[in-house]
Amino acid sequence: MTKKLRFFLLLFIGLSMAGLAAAVFINFSLKKDSKERVAPGPGAAITKVRYYGIRDSRREWELEADSAAQLKTTDPILLKGVRLVYYAKEGLAYTVRGRDGVYGVDTGEITVEGDVTVESRNGYTLKTDAPLTYTTGRRIVRTNGRIRLLSRTIEVTGAGLIMDMDTEKVSVLKDVRTV
């Protein structure tokens, strides 16, 4: 009986040590992974982020980015590799892509810049090198820079653009040329 008891005690101690070693290894791995994703200090930086806005049980916009950083909790969120999708009332989706962006949580403004492209499901493409801003509360898209609006049948260039998502009315503000 003592040999069996000694065997089970040694087995129990061995399994306990192996479990403890596994727990320490897993904890170290999780801490290492979290250090790579969250920056030290008062701000934070994370990878693969997603925000979205819902009104009246309907998704109005989605914002994805490869990475996001916020220096202080009151600062806007700085984005890299931005993809913004906003929806018109009839369900038509517009997808905005750009290198960089800023999400002002307090203001509800999402600004995308750097090779900005807007594509709609009905075949329109808008291009601009200027920052393009979507105001979530008013559901307005605007830019002051040069734009180029393309479809299979038309090309419009100009400076400045305002698009009302509720009425789906697009206004090119000046220097308008149509082909």
N, C-alpha and C. Protein backbone atom coordinates (compact mmCIF):
# COMPACT_ATOMS: atom_id res chain seq x y z
N MET A 1 0.82 -1.19 0.00
CA MET A 1 0.00 0.00 0.00
C MET A 1 0.86 1.26 0.00
N THR A 2 1.94 1.24 0.71
CA THR A 2 2.80 2.42 0.78
C THR A 2 3.46 2.69 -0.57
N LYS A 3 3.81 1.65 -1.34
CA LYS A 3 4.40 1.86 -2.65
C LYS A 3 3.38 2.49 -3.59
N LYS A 4 2.13 2.02 -3.53
CA LYS A 4 1.07 2.60 -4.37
C LYS A 4 0.80 4.04 -3.96
N LEU A 5 0.76 4.32 -2.66
CA LEU A 5 0.52 5.67 -2.17
C LEU A 5 1.66 6.59 -2.60
N ARG A 6 2.90 6.12 -2.47
CA ARG A 6 4.05 6.89 -2.87
C ARG A 6 4.01 7.16 -4.38
N PHE A 7 3.65 6.16 -5.18
CA PHE A 7 3.53 6.32 -6.62
C PHE A 7 2.48 7.39 -6.98
N PHE A 8 1.30 7.32 -6.34
CA PHE A 8 0.24 8.30 -6.62
C PHE A 8 0.63 9.70 -6.16
N LEU A 9 1.32 9.79 -5.03
CA LEU A 9 1.78 11.11 -4.57
C LEU A 9 2.81 11.69 -5.54
N LEU A 10 3.76 10.87 -6.00
CA LEU A 10 4.75 11.34 -6.96
C LEU A 10 4.07 11.72 -8.28
N LEU A 11 3.10 10.91 -8.71
CA LEU A 11 2.36 11.23 -9.92
C LEU A 11 1.59 12.54 -9.76
N PHE A 12 0.93 12.72 -8.61
CA PHE A 12 0.18 13.95 -8.34
C PHE A 12 1.11 15.17 -8.33
N ILE A 13 2.27 15.04 -7.68
CA ILE A 13 3.21 16.15 -7.62
C ILE A 13 3.76 16.44 -9.02
N GLY A 14 4.07 15.41 -9.78
CA GLY A 14 4.57 15.60 -11.15
C GLY A 14 3.55 16.29 -12.03
N LEU A 15 2.29 15.86 -11.98
CA LEU A 15 1.23 16.49 -12.77
C LEU A 15 0.98 17.93 -12.32
N SER A 16 1.06 18.17 -11.04
CA SER A 16 0.88 19.53 -10.51
C SER A 16 1.98 20.45 -11.02
N MET A 17 3.21 19.96 -11.03
CA MET A 17 4.33 20.77 -11.52
C MET A 17 4.17 21.05 -13.02
N ALA A 18 3.76 20.03 -13.77
CA ALA A 18 3.55 20.22 -15.21
C ALA A 18 2.42 21.23 -15.46
N GLY A 19 1.35 21.16 -14.68
CA GLY A 19 0.25 22.12 -14.80
C GLY A 19 0.69 23.53 -14.46
N LEU A 20 1.49 23.66 -13.43
CA LEU A 20 2.01 24.98 -13.04
C LEU A 20 2.91 25.54 -14.13
N ALA A 21 3.77 24.70 -14.70
CA ALA A 21 4.65 25.15 -15.79
C ALA A 21 3.83 25.59 -17.00
N ALA A 22 2.79 24.84 -17.34
CA ALA A 22 1.92 25.20 -18.46
C ALA A 22 1.21 26.53 -18.19
N ALA A 23 0.72 26.73 -16.97
CA ALA A 23 0.03 27.97 -16.62
C ALA A 23 0.97 29.18 -16.73
N VAL A 24 2.21 29.02 -16.25
CA VAL A 24 3.19 30.11 -16.34
C VAL A 24 3.51 30.41 -17.80
N PHE A 25 3.69 29.37 -18.61
CA PHE A 25 3.97 29.56 -20.03
C PHE A 25 2.83 30.28 -20.74
N ILE A 26 1.61 29.86 -20.50
CA ILE A 26 0.44 30.49 -21.13
C ILE A 26 0.31 31.93 -20.68
N ASN A 27 0.48 32.20 -19.40
CA ASN A 27 0.39 33.56 -18.87
C ASN A 27 1.47 34.44 -19.50
N PHE A 28 2.69 33.94 -19.63
CA PHE A 28 3.76 34.70 -20.25
C PHE A 28 3.43 34.99 -21.71
N SER A 29 2.90 34.01 -22.42
CA SER A 29 2.54 34.20 -23.83
C SER A 29 1.46 35.26 -23.98
N LEU A 30 0.44 35.25 -23.12
CA LEU A 30 -0.63 36.25 -23.19
C LEU A 30 -0.11 37.63 -22.88
N LYS A 31 0.77 37.75 -21.88
CA LYS A 31 1.33 39.06 -21.56
C LYS A 31 2.18 39.58 -22.69
N LYS A 32 2.98 38.71 -23.31
CA LYS A 32 3.81 39.12 -24.44
C LYS A 32 2.94 39.61 -25.58
N ASP A 33 1.86 38.89 -25.91
CA ASP A 33 0.94 39.28 -26.98
C ASP A 33 0.27 40.61 -26.66
N SER A 34 -0.16 40.82 -25.42
CA SER A 34 -0.84 42.07 -25.08
C SER A 34 0.13 43.24 -25.10
N LYS A 35 1.42 43.02 -24.79
CA LYS A 35 2.40 44.11 -24.86
C LYS A 35 2.59 44.56 -26.30
N GLU A 36 2.47 43.64 -27.24
CA GLU A 36 2.62 44.00 -28.63
C GLU A 36 1.41 44.79 -29.13
N ARG A 37 0.26 44.62 -28.53
CA ARG A 37 -0.95 45.25 -29.02
C ARG A 37 -1.30 46.54 -28.28
N VAL A 38 -0.88 46.70 -27.06
CA VAL A 38 -1.23 47.89 -26.28
C VAL A 38 0.04 48.60 -25.87
N ALA A 39 0.11 49.87 -26.20
CA ALA A 39 1.31 50.65 -25.88
C ALA A 39 1.29 51.08 -24.42
N PRO A 40 2.46 51.19 -23.79
CA PRO A 40 2.50 51.67 -22.41
C PRO A 40 2.21 53.16 -22.35
N GLY A 41 1.94 53.66 -21.17
CA GLY A 41 1.71 55.08 -20.99
C GLY A 41 0.23 55.42 -20.96
N PRO A 42 -0.09 56.72 -21.00
CA PRO A 42 -1.48 57.14 -20.85
C PRO A 42 -2.36 56.80 -22.03
N GLY A 43 -1.79 56.65 -23.22
CA GLY A 43 -2.58 56.33 -24.40
C GLY A 43 -2.54 54.85 -24.69
N ALA A 44 -3.12 54.49 -25.82
CA ALA A 44 -3.13 53.08 -26.21
C ALA A 44 -3.04 52.97 -27.72
N ALA A 45 -2.49 51.85 -28.17
CA ALA A 45 -2.44 51.54 -29.59
C ALA A 45 -2.88 50.09 -29.75
N ILE A 46 -3.77 49.83 -30.69
CA ILE A 46 -4.23 48.47 -30.91
C ILE A 46 -4.27 48.18 -32.41
N THR A 47 -4.30 46.90 -32.75
CA THR A 47 -4.38 46.50 -34.14
C THR A 47 -5.76 45.93 -34.42
N LYS A 48 -6.14 46.01 -35.70
CA LYS A 48 -7.42 45.45 -36.18
C LYS A 48 -8.59 45.94 -35.33
N VAL A 49 -8.99 47.18 -35.56
CA VAL A 49 -10.09 47.76 -34.80
C VAL A 49 -11.34 47.86 -35.67
N ARG A 50 -12.49 47.91 -34.99
CA ARG A 50 -13.76 48.06 -35.69
C ARG A 50 -14.73 48.84 -34.79
N TYR A 51 -15.28 49.90 -35.36
CA TYR A 51 -16.31 50.69 -34.70
C TYR A 51 -17.53 50.69 -35.62
N TYR A 52 -18.69 50.92 -35.06
CA TYR A 52 -19.87 51.08 -35.91
C TYR A 52 -20.91 51.92 -35.19
N GLY A 53 -21.79 52.53 -36.01
CA GLY A 53 -22.85 53.36 -35.47
C GLY A 53 -24.21 52.79 -35.84
N ILE A 54 -25.10 52.76 -34.86
CA ILE A 54 -26.45 52.24 -35.08
C ILE A 54 -27.45 53.31 -34.67
N ARG A 55 -28.47 53.49 -35.51
CA ARG A 55 -29.55 54.42 -35.17
C ARG A 55 -30.86 53.75 -35.58
N ASP A 56 -31.84 53.77 -34.68
CA ASP A 56 -33.15 53.16 -34.95
C ASP A 56 -33.01 51.70 -35.37
N SER A 57 -32.19 50.95 -34.67
CA SER A 57 -31.97 49.52 -34.92
C SER A 57 -31.40 49.24 -36.32
N ARG A 58 -30.77 50.21 -36.91
CA ARG A 58 -30.21 50.07 -38.26
C ARG A 58 -28.76 50.52 -38.25
N ARG A 59 -27.87 49.70 -38.80
CA ARG A 59 -26.46 50.06 -38.88
C ARG A 59 -26.29 51.17 -39.90
N GLU A 60 -25.70 52.29 -39.48
CA GLU A 60 -25.51 53.44 -40.37
C GLU A 60 -24.10 53.50 -40.95
N TRP A 61 -23.12 53.06 -40.18
CA TRP A 61 -21.74 53.11 -40.66
C TRP A 61 -20.90 52.08 -39.91
N GLU A 62 -19.81 51.67 -40.56
CA GLU A 62 -18.82 50.77 -39.97
C GLU A 62 -17.45 51.34 -40.27
N LEU A 63 -16.58 51.29 -39.30
CA LEU A 63 -15.22 51.80 -39.46
C LEU A 63 -14.25 50.70 -39.05
N GLU A 64 -13.36 50.34 -39.96
CA GLU A 64 -12.32 49.36 -39.67
C GLU A 64 -10.97 49.99 -39.97
N ALA A 65 -9.96 49.57 -39.21
CA ALA A 65 -8.60 50.06 -39.45
C ALA A 65 -7.61 48.98 -39.08
N ASP A 66 -6.48 49.00 -39.77
CA ASP A 66 -5.42 48.05 -39.44
C ASP A 66 -4.86 48.32 -38.05
N SER A 67 -4.81 49.60 -37.67
CA SER A 67 -4.33 49.96 -36.33
C SER A 67 -4.95 51.28 -35.90
N ALA A 68 -5.00 51.47 -34.58
CA ALA A 68 -5.54 52.70 -34.01
C ALA A 68 -4.69 53.09 -32.80
N ALA A 69 -4.52 54.39 -32.60
CA ALA A 69 -3.75 54.89 -31.46
C ALA A 69 -4.46 56.10 -30.89
N GLN A 70 -4.42 56.21 -29.58
CA GLN A 70 -5.00 57.36 -28.89
C GLN A 70 -4.03 57.77 -27.81
N LEU A 71 -3.54 59.02 -27.87
CA LEU A 71 -2.52 59.46 -26.94
C LEU A 71 -3.07 59.68 -25.55
N LYS A 72 -4.24 60.29 -25.46
CA LYS A 72 -4.92 60.50 -24.18
C LYS A 72 -6.38 60.10 -24.39
N THR A 73 -7.09 59.86 -23.34
CA THR A 73 -8.48 59.42 -23.49
C THR A 73 -9.37 60.50 -24.09
N THR A 74 -8.92 61.75 -24.07
CA THR A 74 -9.73 62.84 -24.64
C THR A 74 -9.37 63.13 -26.09
N ASP A 75 -8.27 62.55 -26.59
CA ASP A 75 -7.82 62.81 -27.95
C ASP A 75 -8.62 61.99 -28.96
N PRO A 76 -8.66 62.46 -30.20
CA PRO A 76 -9.27 61.63 -31.24
C PRO A 76 -8.42 60.38 -31.49
N ILE A 77 -9.00 59.39 -32.11
CA ILE A 77 -8.33 58.13 -32.38
C ILE A 77 -7.66 58.24 -33.76
N LEU A 78 -6.36 57.99 -33.81
CA LEU A 78 -5.60 58.05 -35.04
C LEU A 78 -5.60 56.66 -35.68
N LEU A 79 -5.89 56.60 -36.98
CA LEU A 79 -6.08 55.32 -37.66
C LEU A 79 -5.10 55.14 -38.80
N LYS A 80 -4.76 53.89 -39.09
CA LYS A 80 -3.93 53.52 -40.24
C LYS A 80 -4.65 52.42 -41.00
N GLY A 81 -4.58 52.47 -42.33
CA GLY A 81 -5.25 51.46 -43.15
C GLY A 81 -6.74 51.47 -42.94
N VAL A 82 -7.41 52.56 -43.33
CA VAL A 82 -8.80 52.82 -42.98
C VAL A 82 -9.76 52.30 -44.04
N ARG A 83 -10.86 51.73 -43.57
CA ARG A 83 -11.99 51.33 -44.42
C ARG A 83 -13.26 51.75 -43.68
N LEU A 84 -14.02 52.65 -44.31
CA LEU A 84 -15.26 53.16 -43.73
C LEU A 84 -16.39 52.83 -44.69
N VAL A 85 -17.44 52.20 -44.16
CA VAL A 85 -18.62 51.92 -44.97
C VAL A 85 -19.77 52.69 -44.34
N TYR A 86 -20.46 53.51 -45.16
CA TYR A 86 -21.65 54.18 -44.67
C TYR A 86 -22.81 53.83 -45.57
N TYR A 87 -23.99 53.79 -44.97
CA TYR A 87 -25.17 53.28 -45.66
C TYR A 87 -26.19 54.38 -45.87
N ALA A 88 -26.71 54.45 -47.10
CA ALA A 88 -27.82 55.36 -47.39
C ALA A 88 -29.10 54.71 -46.87
N LYS A 89 -30.18 55.48 -46.86
CA LYS A 89 -31.43 54.97 -46.31
C LYS A 89 -31.96 53.75 -47.05
N GLU A 90 -31.77 53.68 -48.34
CA GLU A 90 -32.29 52.56 -49.12
C GLU A 90 -31.35 51.36 -49.09
N GLY A 91 -30.32 51.40 -48.27
CA GLY A 91 -29.42 50.27 -48.13
C GLY A 91 -28.21 50.29 -49.03
N LEU A 92 -28.09 51.28 -49.90
CA LEU A 92 -26.93 51.39 -50.76
C LEU A 92 -25.71 51.69 -49.90
N ALA A 93 -24.63 50.95 -50.10
CA ALA A 93 -23.42 51.11 -49.29
C ALA A 93 -22.35 51.86 -50.07
N TYR A 94 -21.63 52.72 -49.37
CA TYR A 94 -20.50 53.44 -49.92
C TYR A 94 -19.28 53.05 -49.08
N THR A 95 -18.21 52.62 -49.75
CA THR A 95 -17.01 52.19 -49.04
C THR A 95 -15.89 53.18 -49.31
N VAL A 96 -15.34 53.75 -48.23
CA VAL A 96 -14.25 54.71 -48.30
C VAL A 96 -12.99 54.00 -47.84
N ARG A 97 -11.91 54.16 -48.61
CA ARG A 97 -10.62 53.58 -48.22
C ARG A 97 -9.57 54.68 -48.27
N GLY A 98 -8.63 54.61 -47.34
CA GLY A 98 -7.53 55.56 -47.31
C GLY A 98 -6.41 55.05 -46.42
N ARG A 99 -5.25 55.68 -46.55
CA ARG A 99 -4.09 55.26 -45.75
C ARG A 99 -4.25 55.60 -44.28
N ASP A 100 -4.72 56.82 -44.00
CA ASP A 100 -4.78 57.31 -42.62
C ASP A 100 -6.16 57.87 -42.33
N GLY A 101 -6.45 58.02 -41.04
CA GLY A 101 -7.72 58.59 -40.65
C GLY A 101 -7.71 59.06 -39.22
N VAL A 102 -8.75 59.78 -38.87
CA VAL A 102 -8.96 60.27 -37.51
C VAL A 102 -10.43 60.07 -37.18
N TYR A 103 -10.70 59.48 -36.02
CA TYR A 103 -12.08 59.31 -35.55
C TYR A 103 -12.25 60.14 -34.30
N GLY A 104 -13.01 61.23 -34.41
CA GLY A 104 -13.33 62.06 -33.26
C GLY A 104 -14.59 61.52 -32.60
N VAL A 105 -14.42 60.73 -31.58
CA VAL A 105 -15.57 60.09 -30.93
C VAL A 105 -16.55 61.14 -30.41
N ASP A 106 -16.03 62.21 -29.82
CA ASP A 106 -16.90 63.26 -29.27
C ASP A 106 -17.63 64.04 -30.36
N THR A 107 -16.97 64.30 -31.48
CA THR A 107 -17.57 65.10 -32.55
C THR A 107 -18.36 64.25 -33.53
N GLY A 108 -18.08 62.95 -33.57
CA GLY A 108 -18.75 62.07 -34.53
C GLY A 108 -18.23 62.25 -35.94
N GLU A 109 -17.02 62.79 -36.08
CA GLU A 109 -16.43 62.99 -37.40
C GLU A 109 -15.35 61.96 -37.65
N ILE A 110 -15.41 61.36 -38.85
CA ILE A 110 -14.41 60.41 -39.29
C ILE A 110 -13.76 61.01 -40.53
N THR A 111 -12.47 61.29 -40.46
CA THR A 111 -11.75 61.86 -41.58
C THR A 111 -10.78 60.81 -42.12
N VAL A 112 -10.81 60.63 -43.43
CA VAL A 112 -9.93 59.68 -44.11
C VAL A 112 -9.08 60.46 -45.09
N GLU A 113 -7.79 60.13 -45.16
CA GLU A 113 -6.91 60.82 -46.10
C GLU A 113 -5.83 59.87 -46.63
N GLY A 114 -5.20 60.31 -47.73
CA GLY A 114 -4.15 59.51 -48.35
C GLY A 114 -4.71 58.55 -49.38
N ASP A 115 -4.72 58.96 -50.64
CA ASP A 115 -5.26 58.13 -51.73
C ASP A 115 -6.68 57.67 -51.42
N VAL A 116 -7.54 58.62 -51.13
CA VAL A 116 -8.92 58.30 -50.74
C VAL A 116 -9.73 57.86 -51.96
N THR A 117 -10.42 56.75 -51.79
CA THR A 117 -11.30 56.21 -52.82
C THR A 117 -12.63 55.88 -52.17
N VAL A 118 -13.72 56.30 -52.82
CA VAL A 118 -15.07 55.95 -52.37
C VAL A 118 -15.72 55.15 -53.49
N GLU A 119 -16.23 53.97 -53.16
CA GLU A 119 -16.90 53.15 -54.16
C GLU A 119 -18.31 52.83 -53.69
N SER A 120 -19.25 52.86 -54.63
CA SER A 120 -20.63 52.49 -54.30
C SER A 120 -20.97 51.19 -55.01
N ARG A 121 -21.96 50.52 -54.50
CA ARG A 121 -22.38 49.25 -55.10
C ARG A 121 -23.04 49.44 -56.46
N ASN A 122 -23.45 50.68 -56.76
CA ASN A 122 -24.11 50.90 -58.05
C ASN A 122 -23.13 51.42 -59.11
N GLY A 123 -21.81 51.24 -58.89
CA GLY A 123 -20.83 51.50 -59.94
C GLY A 123 -20.15 52.84 -59.96
N TYR A 124 -20.34 53.68 -58.96
CA TYR A 124 -19.67 54.98 -58.92
C TYR A 124 -18.40 54.89 -58.09
N THR A 125 -17.36 55.63 -58.54
CA THR A 125 -16.10 55.71 -57.80
C THR A 125 -15.71 57.17 -57.69
N LEU A 126 -15.36 57.58 -56.49
CA LEU A 126 -14.90 58.94 -56.22
C LEU A 126 -13.46 58.84 -55.75
N LYS A 127 -12.59 59.70 -56.30
CA LYS A 127 -11.19 59.72 -55.89
C LYS A 127 -10.80 61.13 -55.50
N THR A 128 -9.99 61.24 -54.45
CA THR A 128 -9.45 62.53 -54.02
C THR A 128 -8.16 62.30 -53.25
N ASP A 129 -7.26 63.27 -53.36
CA ASP A 129 -6.05 63.24 -52.55
C ASP A 129 -6.21 64.08 -51.28
N ALA A 130 -7.33 64.76 -51.18
CA ALA A 130 -7.60 65.61 -50.02
C ALA A 130 -8.32 64.81 -48.94
N PRO A 131 -8.26 65.27 -47.69
CA PRO A 131 -9.01 64.60 -46.63
C PRO A 131 -10.52 64.64 -46.93
N LEU A 132 -11.18 63.54 -46.64
CA LEU A 132 -12.63 63.42 -46.83
C LEU A 132 -13.22 63.12 -45.46
N THR A 133 -14.26 63.86 -45.06
CA THR A 133 -14.84 63.73 -43.73
C THR A 133 -16.29 63.27 -43.81
N TYR A 134 -16.63 62.29 -42.96
CA TYR A 134 -18.01 61.83 -42.80
C TYR A 134 -18.45 62.23 -41.40
N THR A 135 -19.52 63.01 -41.31
CA THR A 135 -20.07 63.43 -40.03
C THR A 135 -21.23 62.49 -39.70
N THR A 136 -21.06 61.67 -38.67
CA THR A 136 -22.03 60.61 -38.38
C THR A 136 -23.39 61.16 -37.97
N GLY A 137 -23.43 62.22 -37.19
CA GLY A 137 -24.70 62.76 -36.73
C GLY A 137 -25.54 63.38 -37.84
N ARG A 138 -24.90 64.13 -38.70
CA ARG A 138 -25.60 64.81 -39.81
C ARG A 138 -25.66 63.95 -41.05
N ARG A 139 -24.85 62.86 -41.10
CA ARG A 139 -24.79 61.95 -42.25
C ARG A 139 -24.40 62.70 -43.52
N ILE A 140 -23.33 63.51 -43.40
CA ILE A 140 -22.82 64.32 -44.50
C ILE A 140 -21.38 63.90 -44.79
N VAL A 141 -21.06 63.76 -46.08
CA VAL A 141 -19.69 63.50 -46.53
C VAL A 141 -19.22 64.77 -47.22
N ARG A 142 -17.98 65.19 -46.92
CA ARG A 142 -17.50 66.42 -47.55
C ARG A 142 -15.98 66.41 -47.70
N THR A 143 -15.54 67.16 -48.70
CA THR A 143 -14.12 67.43 -48.90
C THR A 143 -13.99 68.78 -49.57
N ASN A 144 -12.89 69.45 -49.33
CA ASN A 144 -12.62 70.73 -49.98
C ASN A 144 -11.66 70.57 -51.15
N GLY A 145 -11.07 69.41 -51.29
CA GLY A 145 -10.05 69.18 -52.31
C GLY A 145 -10.61 68.83 -53.67
N ARG A 146 -9.70 68.58 -54.59
CA ARG A 146 -10.06 68.17 -55.95
C ARG A 146 -10.67 66.78 -55.90
N ILE A 147 -11.71 66.56 -56.71
CA ILE A 147 -12.37 65.25 -56.76
C ILE A 147 -12.49 64.79 -58.21
N ARG A 148 -12.63 63.50 -58.34
CA ARG A 148 -12.89 62.89 -59.64
C ARG A 148 -13.93 61.80 -59.40
N LEU A 149 -15.10 61.97 -60.01
CA LEU A 149 -16.22 61.04 -59.85
C LEU A 149 -16.39 60.29 -61.16
N LEU A 150 -16.33 58.96 -61.10
CA LEU A 150 -16.36 58.13 -62.30
C LEU A 150 -17.48 57.09 -62.22
N SER A 151 -18.04 56.79 -63.39
CA SER A 151 -18.92 55.64 -63.55
C SER A 151 -18.71 55.12 -64.96
N ARG A 152 -19.49 54.14 -65.37
CA ARG A 152 -19.33 53.62 -66.73
C ARG A 152 -19.72 54.64 -67.78
N THR A 153 -20.57 55.60 -67.42
CA THR A 153 -21.10 56.52 -68.42
C THR A 153 -20.71 57.98 -68.23
N ILE A 154 -20.07 58.34 -67.11
CA ILE A 154 -19.80 59.75 -66.85
C ILE A 154 -18.51 59.91 -66.06
N GLU A 155 -17.88 61.07 -66.26
CA GLU A 155 -16.73 61.48 -65.46
C GLU A 155 -16.93 62.93 -65.06
N VAL A 156 -16.88 63.21 -63.77
CA VAL A 156 -17.04 64.56 -63.25
C VAL A 156 -15.80 64.90 -62.45
N THR A 157 -15.22 66.07 -62.71
CA THR A 157 -14.11 66.55 -61.90
C THR A 157 -14.49 67.92 -61.35
N GLY A 158 -13.83 68.29 -60.27
CA GLY A 158 -14.11 69.58 -59.67
C GLY A 158 -13.38 69.73 -58.36
N ALA A 159 -13.73 70.77 -57.64
CA ALA A 159 -13.13 71.04 -56.34
C ALA A 159 -14.23 71.15 -55.31
N GLY A 160 -14.08 70.40 -54.24
CA GLY A 160 -15.06 70.42 -53.16
C GLY A 160 -16.24 69.52 -53.46
N LEU A 161 -16.74 68.87 -52.42
CA LEU A 161 -17.87 67.97 -52.58
C LEU A 161 -18.64 67.90 -51.28
N ILE A 162 -19.96 67.88 -51.39
CA ILE A 162 -20.84 67.63 -50.25
C ILE A 162 -21.85 66.57 -50.69
N MET A 163 -21.99 65.53 -49.87
CA MET A 163 -22.97 64.49 -50.17
C MET A 163 -23.82 64.27 -48.93
N ASP A 164 -25.12 64.43 -49.11
CA ASP A 164 -26.08 64.20 -48.03
C ASP A 164 -26.55 62.75 -48.13
N MET A 165 -26.27 61.95 -47.12
CA MET A 165 -26.61 60.53 -47.17
C MET A 165 -28.11 60.28 -47.06
N ASP A 166 -28.85 61.18 -46.45
CA ASP A 166 -30.29 61.00 -46.33
C ASP A 166 -31.01 61.23 -47.65
N THR A 167 -30.58 62.26 -48.39
CA THR A 167 -31.22 62.56 -49.68
C THR A 167 -30.45 61.97 -50.85
N GLU A 168 -29.22 61.50 -50.59
CA GLU A 168 -28.30 60.98 -51.61
C GLU A 168 -28.01 62.03 -52.67
N LYS A 169 -28.05 63.29 -52.28
CA LYS A 169 -27.74 64.40 -53.17
C LYS A 169 -26.25 64.71 -53.08
N VAL A 170 -25.61 64.77 -54.27
CA VAL A 170 -24.18 65.06 -54.35
C VAL A 170 -24.00 66.43 -55.00
N SER A 171 -23.19 67.28 -54.39
CA SER A 171 -22.90 68.59 -54.95
C SER A 171 -21.39 68.75 -55.10
N VAL A 172 -20.95 69.03 -56.32
CA VAL A 172 -19.56 69.39 -56.56
C VAL A 172 -19.54 70.91 -56.54
N LEU A 173 -18.69 71.52 -55.72
CA LEU A 173 -18.83 72.93 -55.39
C LEU A 173 -18.29 73.92 -56.41
N LYS A 174 -17.17 73.62 -57.09
CA LYS A 174 -16.64 74.59 -58.06
C LYS A 174 -15.72 73.88 -59.06
N ASP A 175 -15.41 74.63 -60.14
CA ASP A 175 -14.57 74.11 -61.22
C ASP A 175 -15.10 72.79 -61.76
N VAL A 176 -16.39 72.68 -61.95
CA VAL A 176 -17.02 71.43 -62.36
C VAL A 176 -16.83 71.22 -63.86
N ARG A 177 -16.36 70.02 -64.20
CA ARG A 177 -16.25 69.61 -65.61
C ARG A 177 -16.83 68.22 -65.72
N THR A 178 -17.62 68.02 -66.77
CA THR A 178 -18.29 66.74 -66.98
C THR A 178 -17.97 66.21 -68.37
N VAL A 179 -17.69 64.92 -68.44
CA VAL A 179 -17.45 64.26 -69.71
C VAL A 179 -18.44 63.11 -69.80
